[in-house]
Amino acid sequence: MEARRRLLKTLDEMTKLAAKEEDCDAEYFSDVIKFDVHKDVKYFAQFWEGSPPMAPPNPENYLDISACRKLETEYSKWTWSLHSVMKEFDLLWKKSVKKIIRNTPVIKDIDIMRDVKEILSDTYGSVSVDHWKESRDVFSVLGYYYYVKVKRCSGLFTKAIRSAKERFDYTLSTIMIQSFNILKMGYNISCIRQLTNYIKKRVTEHQEGPVKYKFKNEFFGDLVLSICKRANKMITDQHRMFKEANDPVIYFEKKREEYYNIFQKYCHVSTSAAIFGEIICQKLKEPIEQSVFKKTARDVADEMTTNCQSLNGSRSKLEKHILNTLAEKEDFQGLTVYIHNPKDYFKSFIRVEVSRYITDKFSVSVLPKMKENIKLLQQKIMKAAHESTEHVQVNSGDVGLWLKSFTQQLSDELIFSEKDFTGVKHYDIDDLILQEDVIRKELPVIMSDISKTFNAKTFTLKLDYKLRPDELLIDHFCQCCWVQCPFCRAIAPTP
């Protein structure tokens, strides 16, 4: 027993050394080959030597010894072949990645504040470069007195300044940044250029209103810097997520372990059906995630048209709610903006309402919907797999027919087709029941991984811009006539 323990210890140590050289995570000899020290170790006493040891060789054991030595030689060849195949995987992987990324542009890291300063210096030269070191956080100062030139003194001056501070709230700028869809499109300096123009427009509109002061040049620069400093992390995080999803080097590095596991199963003589079943589950991961987020977004939008006080009626009711809110807050500047740009104000109001609703009710409303949707989708996938297997059996078909039936049944639920398996060899698969069993076993693991990503912060980020709940509601309320009366500025009634 002690000899067996020492043998196993030696094998484990050799495995760790080999794993370190090959940059893999094997720790025990049994990770490389199925091995039981109690069953697989045999001891042959005095096969070659005579008994006692100095006696001549025992002729009766010659054939046994010869067979053992041949077996040892073949085992050594097999071990080396397996070792060579593992080196071959690494080499093949590196060559494949190199070939794929050869003509693919690199997604560079970004520096938001550098771009902000460049735009302010080039486009708005009146803002001094030396001003960056002395800039203030506009949202932290007690008032805007430092930034204004008084046109005409009035007792309402203090209230007007307070109104201006509320007018340039960071929230609306955040919503505009979200509309850039950086998670799907990536960051470009044009995002900052659009944001800067938007801020400039809001400042100009404010000054052209019935105010008795004018902002100094420093205000615009500080406002842009303050907004961009606060948005820096959000934009950087979204661009990082875009890079992780679209940079081929990062993408393939994340996929390496997935394909290595499949390769290991192949080396352990797993059947083609088992391997293909696992590949199917891996291919389903992204479409499942997209489907769950998309379905939940529609569910949230529908729920808000029922449960949210401001959005549970017609556009006319929403208009009355907006006007009442502005009156209760005595937000006359906001009212001015609404009168001149009612459609834009509607959009901003809806985005703020949806953002607040998702944040406040994520754990009690949004998350349960996501969990229910992913549960239903798992059931539909398994139903499609089972019915496809039956379809093949009835029609004496093959795995090609199974795949066609499977993808067609899920076409209304997932962006998933036979084309996703181009280049994947699967024509030698004959055990579709085993393949279905593998899917049944692996699919819950995929679903669990997806569920771990569910949170309020990433909910809207994972969606295409036009599929977000706020955009769905904007389409619902704003696809109508916005002609205004030239005298009272009232919006034309909805038919």
Foldseek 3Di string as FASTA:
>chain_A
DVVLVVVQVVQQVVVVVLCVVLVHDDRGNCVQPPDDSVPPDDDDPQLFADPPRVDHGDVVSPVVVVVVVVVVVVVVVVVVVSVVVSVVLVVVLVVVLCVVCVPPDAQDADDQVVLLLVCCCPVVVVDDSVCVVVFDQLLPDPWCPVFKDFQDDDPCQVVLRVLVSVLLDLLLLVVLLVLVLCLAVNDDSVSLVVSLVVLVVSLVLSVPDPHRIHGDPSVSSNSSVNSCVVCVVVNNVSNVNSCCVPVSVNVSVVCVVVVVVLVSCVVVVNDLLLSVLSVVLVLCLVQLLQLLLLVLQVVLLVVCCPPPCLNVDALVSVVVVVVVVCVVVVSVVLVVVCLVCVLVSVLSVLVVVSLVCCVVCVVPRSLVSSVVSSVVVLVQLLVQLVVLVVVCVVVVHFVVSSQQSSCVSCVVRGPDHPVSCVPPDDRPDDCSVSSSVSNVVCNVVSSVVSSVPDDSVCSSSSHDSCSGNSNVSSCVHPPAFQDADPPPSHGDDGD
